[in-house]
Amino acid sequence: MSDHPDPKTELLAAIPRLRAFALSLSGNTDRADDLVQQTLVKAWGSMASFEPGSNMPAWLYTILRNEFYSEFRRRRHEVSDSDGIFAARLASYPAQHGHMDFQDFQTALFKLADDHREALILIGASGLSYQEAADICGCAVGTMKSRVHRARARLAELLTVGTDEQFGPDQMWQAAVETVAVPGRSSSDT
């Protein structure tokens, strides 16, 4: 028979002292009980690494203390959000739909006549005035307005867009909405 006490018996005998130590660290009886339980679970799972004859209470105190400070570090970075207000703001829409929509937009954009695509990019994407775009292209302002209007109408037709909501919440589309007219939106909205 071994002259070392049974590790299971030592583990059970240490529980009241572990609880007192956990209570002194956490200041909360419920939290102290949780810490003791976590400590016992970790100790039980690592019992094979415990050296019989070594100091069981010291080993358990170390596990409990490490568990307490690890959780303290984790909680320090957490925000209390019992109502879910912060979590609701962190919602992220799936990116793959926006990416696919943007690819469709690019494909449709390159189906436009060259002068219409050029007018749409100069006015919508580059933010130039109709006069500046007309000067660059060497045409009248009215011609530039007509090209932009026709480009927007054709682009909306190619994309089968009926309303702004069909673009979805994707941020790339938010920028594209500024350049594409949809039925019901006048050309003076840009």
N, C-alpha and C. Protein backbone atom coordinates (compact mmCIF):
# COMPACT_ATOMS: atom_id res chain seq x y z
N MET A 1 0.85 -1.19 0.00
CA MET A 1 0.00 0.00 0.00
C MET A 1 0.88 1.24 0.00
N SER A 2 0.45 2.27 -0.74
CA SER A 2 1.21 3.50 -0.87
C SER A 2 1.10 4.34 0.37
N ASP A 3 2.19 5.09 0.69
CA ASP A 3 2.15 5.97 1.87
C ASP A 3 1.62 7.35 1.50
N HIS A 4 1.19 7.55 0.23
CA HIS A 4 0.61 8.82 -0.22
C HIS A 4 -0.91 8.75 -0.11
N PRO A 5 -1.55 9.84 0.32
CA PRO A 5 -3.02 9.84 0.39
C PRO A 5 -3.63 9.70 -1.01
N ASP A 6 -4.84 9.19 -1.05
CA ASP A 6 -5.56 9.03 -2.31
C ASP A 6 -5.85 10.41 -2.90
N PRO A 7 -5.48 10.67 -4.18
CA PRO A 7 -5.70 12.00 -4.79
C PRO A 7 -7.17 12.42 -4.78
N LYS A 8 -8.09 11.47 -4.95
CA LYS A 8 -9.51 11.81 -4.94
C LYS A 8 -9.94 12.31 -3.56
N THR A 9 -9.43 11.67 -2.54
CA THR A 9 -9.75 12.09 -1.17
C THR A 9 -9.19 13.48 -0.90
N GLU A 10 -7.95 13.71 -1.34
CA GLU A 10 -7.33 15.03 -1.17
C GLU A 10 -8.12 16.10 -1.92
N LEU A 11 -8.57 15.77 -3.10
CA LEU A 11 -9.34 16.70 -3.92
C LEU A 11 -10.63 17.10 -3.19
N LEU A 12 -11.35 16.12 -2.68
CA LEU A 12 -12.60 16.40 -1.97
C LEU A 12 -12.35 17.16 -0.67
N ALA A 13 -11.27 16.86 0.02
CA ALA A 13 -10.97 17.54 1.28
C ALA A 13 -10.61 19.01 1.07
N ALA A 14 -10.13 19.35 -0.12
CA ALA A 14 -9.71 20.72 -0.40
C ALA A 14 -10.86 21.64 -0.80
N ILE A 15 -12.03 21.10 -1.07
CA ILE A 15 -13.15 21.91 -1.58
C ILE A 15 -13.51 23.08 -0.66
N PRO A 16 -13.67 22.90 0.65
CA PRO A 16 -14.05 24.05 1.48
C PRO A 16 -13.00 25.18 1.43
N ARG A 17 -11.71 24.83 1.43
CA ARG A 17 -10.67 25.86 1.36
C ARG A 17 -10.64 26.52 -0.03
N LEU A 18 -10.89 25.72 -1.07
CA LEU A 18 -10.95 26.28 -2.43
C LEU A 18 -12.11 27.29 -2.54
N ARG A 19 -13.23 26.92 -1.92
CA ARG A 19 -14.39 27.81 -1.98
C ARG A 19 -14.09 29.13 -1.26
N ALA A 20 -13.45 29.05 -0.12
CA ALA A 20 -13.10 30.26 0.62
C ALA A 20 -12.13 31.13 -0.20
N PHE A 21 -11.17 30.49 -0.84
CA PHE A 21 -10.21 31.22 -1.67
C PHE A 21 -10.93 31.87 -2.86
N ALA A 22 -11.82 31.13 -3.51
CA ALA A 22 -12.57 31.65 -4.65
C ALA A 22 -13.46 32.82 -4.24
N LEU A 23 -14.05 32.72 -3.05
CA LEU A 23 -14.89 33.80 -2.54
C LEU A 23 -14.06 35.05 -2.27
N SER A 24 -12.84 34.86 -1.76
CA SER A 24 -11.99 36.02 -1.49
C SER A 24 -11.54 36.69 -2.79
N LEU A 25 -11.40 35.92 -3.86
CA LEU A 25 -11.02 36.50 -5.15
C LEU A 25 -12.19 37.19 -5.85
N SER A 26 -13.33 36.52 -5.89
CA SER A 26 -14.45 37.01 -6.68
C SER A 26 -15.39 37.93 -5.92
N GLY A 27 -15.52 37.72 -4.61
CA GLY A 27 -16.45 38.53 -3.81
C GLY A 27 -17.90 38.20 -4.06
N ASN A 28 -18.17 37.07 -4.71
CA ASN A 28 -19.53 36.69 -5.06
C ASN A 28 -19.66 35.19 -4.86
N THR A 29 -20.64 34.77 -4.07
CA THR A 29 -20.75 33.33 -3.76
C THR A 29 -21.06 32.49 -4.99
N ASP A 30 -21.94 33.00 -5.86
CA ASP A 30 -22.25 32.23 -7.08
C ASP A 30 -21.02 32.09 -7.97
N ARG A 31 -20.30 33.20 -8.13
CA ARG A 31 -19.09 33.16 -8.95
C ARG A 31 -18.03 32.27 -8.31
N ALA A 32 -17.94 32.30 -6.96
CA ALA A 32 -16.98 31.44 -6.25
C ALA A 32 -17.30 29.97 -6.49
N ASP A 33 -18.58 29.61 -6.42
CA ASP A 33 -18.98 28.22 -6.66
C ASP A 33 -18.64 27.79 -8.09
N ASP A 34 -18.86 28.71 -9.05
CA ASP A 34 -18.51 28.40 -10.44
C ASP A 34 -17.00 28.19 -10.59
N LEU A 35 -16.22 29.03 -9.94
CA LEU A 35 -14.76 28.90 -10.01
C LEU A 35 -14.29 27.57 -9.43
N VAL A 36 -14.88 27.19 -8.29
CA VAL A 36 -14.50 25.92 -7.66
C VAL A 36 -14.87 24.76 -8.59
N GLN A 37 -16.05 24.83 -9.18
CA GLN A 37 -16.47 23.77 -10.09
C GLN A 37 -15.53 23.68 -11.30
N GLN A 38 -15.19 24.83 -11.89
CA GLN A 38 -14.27 24.82 -13.02
C GLN A 38 -12.90 24.27 -12.63
N THR A 39 -12.47 24.63 -11.44
CA THR A 39 -11.18 24.15 -10.94
C THR A 39 -11.19 22.63 -10.79
N LEU A 40 -12.27 22.11 -10.18
CA LEU A 40 -12.36 20.67 -9.97
C LEU A 40 -12.43 19.91 -11.30
N VAL A 41 -13.15 20.47 -12.25
CA VAL A 41 -13.25 19.81 -13.57
C VAL A 41 -11.88 19.78 -14.25
N LYS A 42 -11.17 20.90 -14.21
CA LYS A 42 -9.83 20.93 -14.82
C LYS A 42 -8.87 20.00 -14.08
N ALA A 43 -8.93 20.02 -12.76
CA ALA A 43 -8.05 19.16 -11.97
C ALA A 43 -8.34 17.68 -12.25
N TRP A 44 -9.61 17.34 -12.30
CA TRP A 44 -9.99 15.95 -12.55
C TRP A 44 -9.51 15.51 -13.94
N GLY A 45 -9.64 16.40 -14.91
CA GLY A 45 -9.19 16.09 -16.27
C GLY A 45 -7.68 15.97 -16.37
N SER A 46 -6.97 16.62 -15.45
CA SER A 46 -5.50 16.60 -15.48
C SER A 46 -4.91 15.75 -14.35
N MET A 47 -5.73 14.92 -13.74
CA MET A 47 -5.28 14.13 -12.59
C MET A 47 -4.08 13.25 -12.93
N ALA A 48 -3.96 12.82 -14.16
CA ALA A 48 -2.83 11.97 -14.55
C ALA A 48 -1.51 12.73 -14.46
N SER A 49 -1.57 14.07 -14.58
CA SER A 49 -0.33 14.85 -14.51
C SER A 49 0.02 15.25 -13.08
N PHE A 50 -0.86 14.96 -12.12
CA PHE A 50 -0.58 15.28 -10.71
C PHE A 50 0.38 14.25 -10.13
N GLU A 51 1.44 14.74 -9.50
CA GLU A 51 2.44 13.86 -8.89
C GLU A 51 1.97 13.45 -7.49
N PRO A 52 1.68 12.18 -7.26
CA PRO A 52 1.29 11.75 -5.91
C PRO A 52 2.37 12.13 -4.90
N GLY A 53 1.91 12.65 -3.77
CA GLY A 53 2.84 13.08 -2.73
C GLY A 53 3.14 14.56 -2.80
N SER A 54 2.84 15.21 -3.94
CA SER A 54 3.05 16.65 -4.00
C SER A 54 1.86 17.35 -3.34
N ASN A 55 1.91 18.66 -3.29
CA ASN A 55 0.93 19.46 -2.54
C ASN A 55 -0.34 19.66 -3.37
N MET A 56 -1.37 18.84 -3.09
CA MET A 56 -2.64 18.91 -3.81
C MET A 56 -3.32 20.28 -3.65
N PRO A 57 -3.44 20.83 -2.41
CA PRO A 57 -4.10 22.13 -2.28
C PRO A 57 -3.39 23.24 -3.07
N ALA A 58 -2.07 23.24 -3.06
CA ALA A 58 -1.33 24.27 -3.80
C ALA A 58 -1.61 24.13 -5.30
N TRP A 59 -1.66 22.92 -5.81
CA TRP A 59 -1.96 22.66 -7.21
C TRP A 59 -3.36 23.16 -7.55
N LEU A 60 -4.32 22.86 -6.67
CA LEU A 60 -5.70 23.30 -6.91
C LEU A 60 -5.83 24.82 -6.82
N TYR A 61 -5.15 25.44 -5.85
CA TYR A 61 -5.18 26.91 -5.74
C TYR A 61 -4.63 27.56 -7.01
N THR A 62 -3.58 26.98 -7.55
CA THR A 62 -2.98 27.52 -8.77
C THR A 62 -3.96 27.44 -9.94
N ILE A 63 -4.63 26.30 -10.06
CA ILE A 63 -5.62 26.14 -11.13
C ILE A 63 -6.74 27.16 -10.95
N LEU A 64 -7.25 27.31 -9.72
CA LEU A 64 -8.34 28.23 -9.46
C LEU A 64 -7.92 29.68 -9.75
N ARG A 65 -6.76 30.04 -9.29
CA ARG A 65 -6.26 31.41 -9.50
C ARG A 65 -6.10 31.69 -10.99
N ASN A 66 -5.51 30.76 -11.73
CA ASN A 66 -5.34 30.93 -13.17
C ASN A 66 -6.68 31.05 -13.88
N GLU A 67 -7.65 30.25 -13.46
CA GLU A 67 -8.99 30.30 -14.05
C GLU A 67 -9.64 31.66 -13.78
N PHE A 68 -9.49 32.17 -12.55
CA PHE A 68 -10.07 33.46 -12.19
C PHE A 68 -9.47 34.58 -13.04
N TYR A 69 -8.15 34.63 -13.14
CA TYR A 69 -7.52 35.72 -13.89
C TYR A 69 -7.71 35.58 -15.39
N SER A 70 -7.79 34.38 -15.90
CA SER A 70 -8.08 34.20 -17.32
C SER A 70 -9.47 34.73 -17.65
N GLU A 71 -10.42 34.41 -16.81
CA GLU A 71 -11.77 34.91 -17.03
C GLU A 71 -11.83 36.42 -16.84
N PHE A 72 -11.10 36.93 -15.87
CA PHE A 72 -11.06 38.38 -15.65
C PHE A 72 -10.55 39.10 -16.90
N ARG A 73 -9.50 38.56 -17.51
CA ARG A 73 -8.96 39.17 -18.74
C ARG A 73 -9.97 39.10 -19.88
N ARG A 74 -10.69 37.98 -20.00
CA ARG A 74 -11.72 37.84 -21.04
C ARG A 74 -12.85 38.84 -20.82
N ARG A 75 -13.31 38.95 -19.60
CA ARG A 75 -14.44 39.82 -19.30
C ARG A 75 -14.09 41.30 -19.41
N ARG A 76 -12.84 41.63 -19.24
CA ARG A 76 -12.42 43.02 -19.33
C ARG A 76 -12.69 43.57 -20.72
N HIS A 77 -12.68 42.71 -21.72
CA HIS A 77 -12.90 43.12 -23.11
C HIS A 77 -14.35 42.97 -23.55
N GLU A 78 -15.21 42.48 -22.68
CA GLU A 78 -16.61 42.28 -23.02
C GLU A 78 -17.43 43.51 -22.66
N VAL A 79 -18.51 43.71 -23.38
CA VAL A 79 -19.43 44.80 -23.13
C VAL A 79 -20.74 44.19 -22.66
N SER A 80 -21.26 44.71 -21.58
CA SER A 80 -22.55 44.23 -21.09
C SER A 80 -23.63 44.63 -22.08
N ASP A 81 -24.38 43.65 -22.54
CA ASP A 81 -25.39 43.90 -23.57
C ASP A 81 -26.60 43.01 -23.31
N SER A 82 -27.22 43.17 -22.15
CA SER A 82 -28.34 42.30 -21.79
C SER A 82 -29.55 42.51 -22.69
N ASP A 83 -29.71 43.71 -23.25
CA ASP A 83 -30.85 43.99 -24.13
C ASP A 83 -30.56 43.67 -25.59
N GLY A 84 -29.32 43.38 -25.92
CA GLY A 84 -28.94 43.04 -27.28
C GLY A 84 -28.81 44.25 -28.20
N ILE A 85 -28.72 45.44 -27.65
CA ILE A 85 -28.64 46.66 -28.45
C ILE A 85 -27.33 46.71 -29.23
N PHE A 86 -26.22 46.43 -28.54
CA PHE A 86 -24.92 46.46 -29.22
C PHE A 86 -24.81 45.35 -30.25
N ALA A 87 -25.29 44.19 -29.91
CA ALA A 87 -25.23 43.06 -30.84
C ALA A 87 -26.01 43.34 -32.11
N ALA A 88 -27.14 44.04 -31.98
CA ALA A 88 -27.95 44.36 -33.15
C ALA A 88 -27.19 45.29 -34.10
N ARG A 89 -26.36 46.15 -33.56
CA ARG A 89 -25.59 47.07 -34.39
C ARG A 89 -24.45 46.37 -35.12
N LEU A 90 -24.06 45.21 -34.62
CA LEU A 90 -22.93 44.50 -35.20
C LEU A 90 -23.34 43.53 -36.29
N ALA A 91 -24.61 43.54 -36.65
CA ALA A 91 -25.09 42.62 -37.67
C ALA A 91 -24.33 42.84 -38.97
N SER A 92 -24.00 41.76 -39.59
CA SER A 92 -23.25 41.82 -40.84
C SER A 92 -24.02 41.07 -41.91
N TYR A 93 -24.30 41.74 -42.98
CA TYR A 93 -25.02 41.09 -44.07
C TYR A 93 -24.05 40.22 -44.86
N PRO A 94 -24.54 39.16 -45.44
CA PRO A 94 -23.65 38.28 -46.20
C PRO A 94 -22.99 39.04 -47.35
N ALA A 95 -21.70 38.90 -47.47
CA ALA A 95 -20.94 39.63 -48.48
C ALA A 95 -21.06 38.99 -49.86
N GLN A 96 -21.31 37.70 -49.92
CA GLN A 96 -21.30 37.04 -51.22
C GLN A 96 -22.41 37.56 -52.14
N HIS A 97 -23.58 37.93 -51.57
CA HIS A 97 -24.64 38.45 -52.43
C HIS A 97 -24.25 39.79 -53.02
N GLY A 98 -23.69 40.65 -52.21
CA GLY A 98 -23.25 41.95 -52.69
C GLY A 98 -22.16 41.83 -53.74
N HIS A 99 -21.27 40.90 -53.53
CA HIS A 99 -20.19 40.68 -54.50
C HIS A 99 -20.76 40.21 -55.84
N MET A 100 -21.70 39.28 -55.76
CA MET A 100 -22.31 38.77 -57.00
C MET A 100 -23.11 39.88 -57.68
N ASP A 101 -23.84 40.68 -56.90
CA ASP A 101 -24.59 41.79 -57.46
C ASP A 101 -23.66 42.79 -58.13
N PHE A 102 -22.53 43.05 -57.49
CA PHE A 102 -21.59 44.00 -58.07
C PHE A 102 -21.00 43.46 -59.37
N GLN A 103 -20.75 42.16 -59.43
CA GLN A 103 -20.27 41.57 -60.68
C GLN A 103 -21.32 41.71 -61.78
N ASP A 104 -22.59 41.52 -61.43
CA ASP A 104 -23.67 41.71 -62.40
C ASP A 104 -23.69 43.16 -62.88
N PHE A 105 -23.49 44.09 -61.94
CA PHE A 105 -23.45 45.51 -62.28
C PHE A 105 -22.32 45.79 -63.28
N GLN A 106 -21.13 45.26 -63.00
CA GLN A 106 -20.00 45.48 -63.89
C GLN A 106 -20.27 44.91 -65.29
N THR A 107 -20.84 43.73 -65.33
CA THR A 107 -21.16 43.11 -66.61
C THR A 107 -22.14 43.98 -67.39
N ALA A 108 -23.19 44.46 -66.70
CA ALA A 108 -24.19 45.31 -67.35
C ALA A 108 -23.57 46.63 -67.79
N LEU A 109 -22.68 47.18 -66.98
CA LEU A 109 -22.04 48.45 -67.31
C LEU A 109 -21.26 48.33 -68.62
N PHE A 110 -20.59 47.21 -68.83
CA PHE A 110 -19.80 47.03 -70.04
C PHE A 110 -20.65 46.63 -71.25
N LYS A 111 -21.94 46.42 -71.05
CA LYS A 111 -22.85 46.18 -72.18
C LYS A 111 -23.39 47.49 -72.74
N LEU A 112 -23.17 48.59 -72.02
CA LEU A 112 -23.63 49.90 -72.49
C LEU A 112 -22.77 50.35 -73.66
N ALA A 113 -23.33 51.22 -74.48
CA ALA A 113 -22.55 51.83 -75.56
C ALA A 113 -21.40 52.61 -74.92
N ASP A 114 -20.28 52.67 -75.62
CA ASP A 114 -19.08 53.32 -75.06
C ASP A 114 -19.35 54.74 -74.59
N ASP A 115 -20.05 55.54 -75.41
CA ASP A 115 -20.29 56.93 -75.02
C ASP A 115 -21.24 57.04 -73.83
N HIS A 116 -22.17 56.10 -73.70
CA HIS A 116 -23.09 56.10 -72.55
C HIS A 116 -22.34 55.70 -71.28
N ARG A 117 -21.51 54.65 -71.39
CA ARG A 117 -20.72 54.21 -70.23
C ARG A 117 -19.78 55.33 -69.78
N GLU A 118 -19.13 55.97 -70.72
CA GLU A 118 -18.21 57.05 -70.41
C GLU A 118 -18.94 58.20 -69.70
N ALA A 119 -20.11 58.57 -70.20
CA ALA A 119 -20.90 59.65 -69.59
C ALA A 119 -21.32 59.27 -68.18
N LEU A 120 -21.76 58.04 -67.99
CA LEU A 120 -22.21 57.59 -66.67
C LEU A 120 -21.06 57.58 -65.67
N ILE A 121 -19.90 57.15 -66.10
CA ILE A 121 -18.74 57.11 -65.20
C ILE A 121 -18.27 58.52 -64.86
N LEU A 122 -18.25 59.40 -65.84
CA LEU A 122 -17.81 60.77 -65.58
C LEU A 122 -18.75 61.50 -64.63
N ILE A 123 -20.05 61.34 -64.83
CA ILE A 123 -21.03 62.04 -64.01
C ILE A 123 -21.26 61.32 -62.68
N GLY A 124 -21.56 60.04 -62.76
CA GLY A 124 -21.94 59.30 -61.55
C GLY A 124 -20.78 58.89 -60.67
N ALA A 125 -19.79 58.25 -61.26
CA ALA A 125 -18.69 57.71 -60.46
C ALA A 125 -17.63 58.76 -60.15
N SER A 126 -17.32 59.62 -61.12
CA SER A 126 -16.27 60.62 -60.90
C SER A 126 -16.78 61.89 -60.25
N GLY A 127 -18.09 62.10 -60.31
CA GLY A 127 -18.67 63.25 -59.65
C GLY A 127 -18.49 64.57 -60.39
N LEU A 128 -18.22 64.50 -61.67
CA LEU A 128 -18.06 65.73 -62.45
C LEU A 128 -19.43 66.34 -62.75
N SER A 129 -19.44 67.61 -63.01
CA SER A 129 -20.69 68.27 -63.43
C SER A 129 -20.94 67.91 -64.88
N TYR A 130 -22.19 68.16 -65.33
CA TYR A 130 -22.51 67.88 -66.72
C TYR A 130 -21.63 68.73 -67.64
N GLN A 131 -21.39 69.97 -67.26
CA GLN A 131 -20.57 70.87 -68.08
C GLN A 131 -19.14 70.34 -68.19
N GLU A 132 -18.55 69.89 -67.06
CA GLU A 132 -17.18 69.36 -67.08
C GLU A 132 -17.10 68.11 -67.94
N ALA A 133 -18.09 67.23 -67.79
CA ALA A 133 -18.10 65.99 -68.59
C ALA A 133 -18.28 66.31 -70.07
N ALA A 134 -19.14 67.27 -70.38
CA ALA A 134 -19.36 67.67 -71.78
C ALA A 134 -18.08 68.23 -72.38
N ASP A 135 -17.36 69.04 -71.61
CA ASP A 135 -16.10 69.60 -72.09
C ASP A 135 -15.07 68.49 -72.37
N ILE A 136 -15.00 67.51 -71.49
CA ILE A 136 -14.05 66.40 -71.65
C ILE A 136 -14.39 65.60 -72.92
N CYS A 137 -15.68 65.35 -73.15
CA CYS A 137 -16.10 64.54 -74.29
C CYS A 137 -16.27 65.35 -75.57
N GLY A 138 -16.18 66.66 -75.46
CA GLY A 138 -16.32 67.50 -76.65
C GLY A 138 -17.72 67.51 -77.22
N CYS A 139 -18.73 67.57 -76.35
CA CYS A 139 -20.12 67.60 -76.82
C CYS A 139 -20.89 68.66 -76.03
N ALA A 140 -22.13 68.88 -76.40
CA ALA A 140 -22.97 69.85 -75.70
C ALA A 140 -23.44 69.28 -74.37
N VAL A 141 -23.78 70.17 -73.43
CA VAL A 141 -24.27 69.74 -72.11
C VAL A 141 -25.54 68.92 -72.26
N GLY A 142 -26.42 69.32 -73.17
CA GLY A 142 -27.67 68.57 -73.40
C GLY A 142 -27.38 67.16 -73.88
N THR A 143 -26.39 67.01 -74.73
CA THR A 143 -26.01 65.67 -75.21
C THR A 143 -25.52 64.82 -74.05
N MET A 144 -24.72 65.44 -73.17
CA MET A 144 -24.20 64.70 -72.01
C MET A 144 -25.34 64.26 -71.10
N LYS A 145 -26.30 65.14 -70.86
CA LYS A 145 -27.46 64.79 -70.02
C LYS A 145 -28.24 63.65 -70.66
N SER A 146 -28.41 63.71 -71.97
CA SER A 146 -29.14 62.66 -72.67
C SER A 146 -28.41 61.32 -72.57
N ARG A 147 -27.09 61.33 -72.72
CA ARG A 147 -26.30 60.09 -72.62
C ARG A 147 -26.41 59.48 -71.22
N VAL A 148 -26.30 60.33 -70.23
CA VAL A 148 -26.40 59.83 -68.84
C VAL A 148 -27.78 59.25 -68.59
N HIS A 149 -28.81 59.95 -69.03
CA HIS A 149 -30.18 59.45 -68.82
C HIS A 149 -30.38 58.10 -69.52
N ARG A 150 -29.94 58.01 -70.75
CA ARG A 150 -30.10 56.75 -71.50
C ARG A 150 -29.25 55.64 -70.89
N ALA A 151 -28.05 55.97 -70.41
CA ALA A 151 -27.19 54.96 -69.78
C ALA A 151 -27.82 54.43 -68.51
N ARG A 152 -28.37 55.32 -67.71
CA ARG A 152 -29.02 54.89 -66.47
C ARG A 152 -30.24 54.03 -66.75
N ALA A 153 -31.04 54.45 -67.69
CA ALA A 153 -32.24 53.68 -68.02
C ALA A 153 -31.86 52.29 -68.54
N ARG A 154 -30.87 52.22 -69.41
CA ARG A 154 -30.44 50.93 -69.97
C ARG A 154 -29.83 50.05 -68.89
N LEU A 155 -29.04 50.64 -68.00
CA LEU A 155 -28.42 49.88 -66.92
C LEU A 155 -29.49 49.31 -65.99
N ALA A 156 -30.48 50.12 -65.66
CA ALA A 156 -31.58 49.64 -64.81
C ALA A 156 -32.34 48.52 -65.51
N GLU A 157 -32.51 48.64 -66.80
CA GLU A 157 -33.19 47.60 -67.58
C GLU A 157 -32.38 46.30 -67.58
N LEU A 158 -31.07 46.42 -67.82
CA LEU A 158 -30.21 45.23 -67.83
C LEU A 158 -30.18 44.53 -66.48
N LEU A 159 -30.25 45.31 -65.43
CA LEU A 159 -30.20 44.74 -64.08
C LEU A 159 -31.58 44.38 -63.56
N THR A 160 -32.62 44.67 -64.33
CA THR A 160 -34.01 44.48 -63.91
C THR A 160 -34.25 45.06 -62.53
N VAL A 161 -33.90 46.32 -62.39
CA VAL A 161 -34.02 47.01 -61.11
C VAL A 161 -35.30 47.83 -61.13
N GLY A 162 -36.12 47.61 -60.12
CA GLY A 162 -37.36 48.38 -60.01
C GLY A 162 -37.31 49.41 -58.90
N THR A 163 -36.60 49.09 -57.82
CA THR A 163 -36.53 50.01 -56.68
C THR A 163 -35.13 49.98 -56.09
N ASP A 164 -34.82 50.98 -55.26
CA ASP A 164 -33.52 51.03 -54.58
C ASP A 164 -33.32 49.83 -53.66
N GLU A 165 -34.41 49.32 -53.07
CA GLU A 165 -34.30 48.22 -52.12
C GLU A 165 -33.77 46.94 -52.77
N GLN A 166 -33.93 46.81 -54.08
CA GLN A 166 -33.44 45.62 -54.76
C GLN A 166 -31.92 45.55 -54.76
N PHE A 167 -31.27 46.68 -54.47
CA PHE A 167 -29.81 46.66 -54.40
C PHE A 167 -29.33 46.01 -53.12
N GLY A 168 -30.16 45.93 -52.09
CA GLY A 168 -29.76 45.33 -50.83
C GLY A 168 -28.90 46.27 -50.01
N PRO A 169 -28.47 45.82 -48.84
CA PRO A 169 -27.74 46.68 -47.91
C PRO A 169 -26.24 46.74 -48.15
N ASP A 170 -25.74 46.07 -49.18
CA ASP A 170 -24.31 46.02 -49.42
C ASP A 170 -23.75 47.42 -49.67
N GLN A 171 -22.60 47.73 -49.09
CA GLN A 171 -22.02 49.06 -49.21
C GLN A 171 -21.54 49.37 -50.62
N MET A 172 -21.08 48.38 -51.36
CA MET A 172 -20.69 48.65 -52.74
C MET A 172 -21.90 49.10 -53.53
N TRP A 173 -23.06 48.48 -53.26
CA TRP A 173 -24.26 48.88 -53.96
C TRP A 173 -24.72 50.25 -53.51
N GLN A 174 -24.47 50.60 -52.26
CA GLN A 174 -24.87 51.93 -51.80
C GLN A 174 -24.21 52.99 -52.67
N ALA A 175 -22.95 52.79 -53.02
CA ALA A 175 -22.25 53.73 -53.89
C ALA A 175 -22.80 53.65 -55.31
N ALA A 176 -23.14 52.45 -55.75
CA ALA A 176 -23.65 52.29 -57.11
C ALA A 176 -25.02 52.92 -57.27
N VAL A 177 -25.82 52.91 -56.22
CA VAL A 177 -27.16 53.49 -56.27
C VAL A 177 -27.06 54.97 -56.62
N GLU A 178 -26.00 55.60 -56.18
CA GLU A 178 -25.81 57.01 -56.47
C GLU A 178 -25.61 57.25 -57.97
N THR A 179 -25.14 56.24 -58.70
CA THR A 179 -24.85 56.43 -60.11
C THR A 179 -25.92 55.89 -61.03
N VAL A 180 -26.82 55.08 -60.50
CA VAL A 180 -27.80 54.42 -61.35
C VAL A 180 -29.19 54.97 -61.05
N ALA A 181 -29.87 55.42 -62.07
CA ALA A 181 -31.25 55.87 -61.89
C ALA A 181 -32.15 54.66 -61.97
N VAL A 182 -33.16 54.65 -61.16
CA VAL A 182 -34.13 53.58 -61.22
C VAL A 182 -35.47 54.22 -61.54
N PRO A 183 -36.39 53.45 -62.11
CA PRO A 183 -37.70 54.01 -62.41
C PRO A 183 -38.28 54.69 -61.17
N GLY A 184 -38.79 55.87 -61.37
CA GLY A 184 -39.35 56.61 -60.24
C GLY A 184 -38.39 57.64 -59.71
N ARG A 185 -37.13 57.59 -60.10
CA ARG A 185 -36.13 58.56 -59.65
C ARG A 185 -35.81 59.46 -60.84
N SER A 186 -35.87 60.74 -60.65
CA SER A 186 -35.60 61.64 -61.77
C SER A 186 -34.11 61.81 -61.99
N SER A 187 -33.74 62.21 -63.19
CA SER A 187 -32.33 62.37 -63.51
C SER A 187 -31.72 63.55 -62.80
N SER A 188 -32.53 64.41 -62.21
CA SER A 188 -32.01 65.57 -61.47
C SER A 188 -31.60 65.18 -60.05
N ASP A 189 -31.79 63.91 -59.66
CA ASP A 189 -31.42 63.48 -58.31
C ASP A 189 -29.93 63.35 -58.12
N THR A 190 -29.14 63.42 -59.16
CA THR A 190 -27.69 63.27 -59.01
C THR A 190 -27.02 64.59 -58.85
